[in-house]
């Protein structure tokens, strides 16, 4: 049914609530078969009267700093080094989105997971001299259909979220930024 709603135009207002942000790290494809424990916890929390949809989003990362993008440097072109750099970037983005959509104390996160994430963020911040990063999260309606509005109990639903982020004491800190005004005759 969801494929039909996403593919064909309709006038239904379908609210979406982001309940959990995370990376699958799922080499056994448990997510595709509905066998991830986090998915079962969410399902139990929200009950059978709500559909649980999984949105898989790829990241497009652009780095701007005085030295240029570290991924473009010759010593980072080796596949293992490149993969490590991509994992670091994905981890800091994930941490910020968890903070934004799930709040300061996410209920689905165990203490050991939060501690490991704090240690990882601190290490990534120190290794990369990470000061500030911006997340521009927008899901184009042409690709996501009626599921382009993302919100949670901590943030209002919107098609685009522009976030200024930094790491402090091992925690991602997030502040919303105003969306740029579209140029005359253009779109944002």
Protein backbone atom coordinates (compact mmCIF):
# COMPACT_ATOMS: atom_id res chain seq x y z
CA UNK A 1 0.00 0.00 0.00
CA UNK A 2 2.79 2.45 0.88
CA UNK A 3 4.40 2.00 -2.52
CA UNK A 4 1.13 3.04 -4.13
CA UNK A 5 0.76 6.08 -1.86
CA UNK A 6 4.32 7.10 -2.56
CA UNK A 7 4.15 6.55 -6.32
CA UNK A 8 0.77 8.03 -7.23
CA UNK A 9 -0.47 11.54 -6.51
CA UNK A 10 -3.16 11.92 -3.85
CA UNK A 11 -4.43 14.54 -1.43
CA UNK A 12 -4.04 12.59 1.81
CA UNK A 13 -2.20 14.35 4.62
CA UNK A 14 0.16 11.71 5.99
CA UNK A 15 1.95 12.84 9.13
CA UNK A 16 5.33 11.25 9.75
CA UNK A 17 7.14 11.05 13.03
CA UNK A 18 10.80 10.16 13.28
CA UNK A 19 11.02 7.81 16.24
CA UNK A 20 14.53 6.42 15.81
CA UNK A 21 17.67 7.51 13.95
CA UNK A 22 20.48 5.08 13.31
CA UNK A 23 22.77 3.25 10.98
CA UNK A 24 21.83 -0.29 10.16
CA UNK A 25 25.28 -1.90 10.36
CA UNK A 26 23.33 -4.94 9.29
CA UNK A 27 25.44 -7.38 7.26
CA UNK A 28 22.91 -10.16 7.90
CA UNK A 29 20.04 -8.12 6.38
CA UNK A 30 17.98 -8.46 9.55
CA UNK A 31 16.36 -5.09 8.85
CA UNK A 32 14.97 -6.26 5.52
CA UNK A 33 13.47 -9.30 7.23
CA UNK A 34 12.10 -7.29 10.17
CA UNK A 35 14.40 -8.96 12.69
CA UNK A 36 16.18 -6.03 14.32
CA UNK A 37 15.50 -5.65 18.07
CA UNK A 38 15.26 -1.84 17.78
CA UNK A 39 12.47 -2.24 15.23
CA UNK A 40 10.54 -4.56 17.57
CA UNK A 41 10.90 -2.07 20.45
CA UNK A 42 9.54 0.75 18.30
CA UNK A 43 6.68 -1.42 17.12
CA UNK A 44 5.78 -2.34 20.70
CA UNK A 45 5.91 1.31 21.79
CA UNK A 46 3.69 2.68 19.03
CA UNK A 47 1.35 -0.29 18.71
CA UNK A 48 -0.33 -1.94 15.79
CA UNK A 49 -2.52 1.06 14.96
CA UNK A 50 0.51 2.88 13.47
CA UNK A 51 2.51 1.85 10.43
CA UNK A 52 6.25 1.66 10.91
CA UNK A 53 8.05 2.77 7.79
CA UNK A 54 11.80 2.62 7.42
CA UNK A 55 13.37 5.48 5.55
CA UNK A 56 16.83 4.71 4.22
CA UNK A 57 18.74 7.85 3.31
CA UNK A 58 22.12 8.16 1.65
CA UNK A 59 24.40 11.00 2.65
CA UNK A 60 26.01 13.57 0.41
CA UNK A 61 28.84 15.15 2.41
CA UNK A 62 30.63 18.32 1.33
CA UNK A 63 33.51 19.61 3.45
CA UNK A 64 34.71 23.19 3.36
CA UNK A 65 37.76 24.19 5.35
CA UNK A 66 40.99 26.11 4.72
CA UNK A 67 42.89 22.91 3.84
CA UNK A 68 40.14 21.54 1.61
CA UNK A 69 38.27 18.27 1.98
CA UNK A 70 40.51 15.71 3.73
CA UNK A 71 38.93 12.96 1.60
CA UNK A 72 40.55 14.54 -1.47
CA UNK A 73 44.08 14.37 -0.02
CA UNK A 74 46.40 11.74 -1.50
CA UNK A 75 47.03 9.98 1.84
CA UNK A 76 43.27 9.50 2.32
CA UNK A 77 42.59 7.94 -1.07
CA UNK A 78 43.37 4.38 0.06
CA UNK A 79 40.06 2.47 0.32
CA UNK A 80 40.49 1.59 4.02
CA UNK A 81 41.36 5.15 4.96
CA UNK A 82 38.53 6.48 2.83
CA UNK A 83 36.08 4.08 4.53
CA UNK A 84 37.28 5.16 7.98
CA UNK A 85 36.83 8.82 7.09
CA UNK A 86 33.33 8.14 5.74
CA UNK A 87 32.45 6.23 8.93
CA UNK A 88 33.60 9.16 11.08
CA UNK A 89 31.49 11.58 9.09
CA UNK A 90 28.46 9.33 9.24
CA UNK A 91 28.86 8.92 13.01
CA UNK A 92 28.91 12.68 13.71
CA UNK A 93 25.90 13.22 11.43
CA UNK A 94 24.04 10.35 13.11
CA UNK A 95 24.77 11.78 16.57
CA UNK A 96 23.42 15.20 15.58
CA UNK A 97 20.27 13.73 14.03
CA UNK A 98 19.66 11.60 17.12
CA UNK A 99 19.95 14.71 19.29
CA UNK A 100 17.65 16.69 16.98
CA UNK A 101 14.91 14.10 16.42
CA UNK A 102 15.15 12.07 19.66
CA UNK A 103 16.09 14.78 22.16
CA UNK A 104 18.87 15.10 24.74
CA UNK A 105 18.10 11.77 26.43
CA UNK A 106 16.82 9.35 23.78
CA UNK A 107 14.71 6.65 25.37
CA UNK A 108 15.81 3.94 22.92
CA UNK A 109 19.51 4.31 23.74
CA UNK A 110 21.15 2.24 26.45
CA UNK A 111 23.73 3.84 28.75
CA UNK A 112 26.59 1.84 27.22
CA UNK A 113 25.57 2.96 23.70
CA UNK A 114 25.47 6.61 24.78
CA UNK A 115 28.87 6.27 26.46
CA UNK A 116 30.43 4.61 23.39
CA UNK A 117 28.98 7.33 21.15
CA UNK A 118 30.38 10.07 23.41
CA UNK A 119 33.85 8.48 23.30
CA UNK A 120 33.65 8.11 19.52
CA UNK A 121 32.54 11.74 19.02
CA UNK A 122 35.32 13.02 21.26
CA UNK A 123 37.91 10.99 19.33
CA UNK A 124 36.58 12.09 15.92
CA UNK A 125 36.44 15.72 17.05
CA UNK A 126 40.07 15.63 18.24
CA UNK A 127 41.42 13.69 15.24
CA UNK A 128 39.76 15.98 12.69
CA UNK A 129 39.88 19.33 14.52
CA UNK A 130 36.12 19.40 14.12
CA UNK A 131 34.72 22.76 15.18
CA UNK A 132 31.32 23.07 13.54
CA UNK A 133 29.29 21.26 10.92
CA UNK A 134 26.04 21.98 9.16
CA UNK A 135 23.38 19.47 8.23
CA UNK A 136 20.94 20.39 5.50
CA UNK A 137 18.36 17.61 5.62
CA UNK A 138 15.83 17.79 2.82
CA UNK A 139 13.92 14.95 1.24
CA UNK A 140 12.79 15.83 -2.28
CA UNK A 141 9.09 15.06 -2.76
CA UNK A 142 9.84 13.73 -6.24
CA UNK A 143 11.78 10.87 -4.65
CA UNK A 144 9.91 10.38 -1.38
CA UNK A 145 6.35 11.18 -2.38
CA UNK A 146 4.15 12.09 0.56
CA UNK A 147 6.85 11.14 3.06
CA UNK A 148 9.05 14.21 2.63
CA UNK A 149 7.87 15.95 5.82
CA UNK A 150 10.01 14.81 8.77
CA UNK A 151 9.31 15.71 12.38
CA UNK A 152 9.36 14.19 15.86
CA UNK A 153 8.04 14.89 19.32
CA UNK A 154 11.02 17.26 19.69
CA UNK A 155 10.80 19.12 16.38
CA UNK A 156 8.10 20.28 13.99
CA UNK A 157 7.53 18.47 10.73
CA UNK A 158 9.15 20.16 7.76
CA UNK A 159 10.40 19.27 4.33
CA UNK A 160 13.81 20.78 5.13
CA UNK A 161 15.80 21.02 8.35
CA UNK A 162 18.92 23.22 8.46
CA UNK A 163 21.06 22.51 11.52
CA UNK A 164 24.23 23.99 12.95
CA UNK A 165 26.09 21.34 14.94
CA UNK A 166 29.16 20.97 17.13
CA UNK A 167 30.52 18.48 19.64
CA UNK A 168 30.92 19.40 23.32
CA UNK A 169 31.78 16.97 26.13
CA UNK A 170 31.24 14.04 23.78
CA UNK A 171 27.71 15.14 22.92
CA UNK A 172 26.38 16.49 19.65
CA UNK A 173 24.84 19.92 20.11
CA UNK A 174 22.32 21.10 17.56
CA UNK A 175 20.69 24.44 16.81
CA UNK A 176 18.22 25.10 14.04
CA UNK A 177 19.15 27.70 11.48
CA UNK A 178 16.71 29.83 9.49
CA UNK A 179 16.15 28.58 5.98
CA UNK A 180 17.53 30.88 3.30
CA UNK A 181 14.96 32.97 1.53
CA UNK A 182 14.51 31.94 -2.09
CA UNK A 183 15.75 34.29 -4.76
CA UNK A 184 13.05 36.13 -6.66
CA UNK A 185 11.51 33.71 -9.12
CA UNK A 186 13.56 30.83 -7.64
CA UNK A 187 13.06 28.11 -5.11
CA UNK A 188 14.87 27.34 -1.85
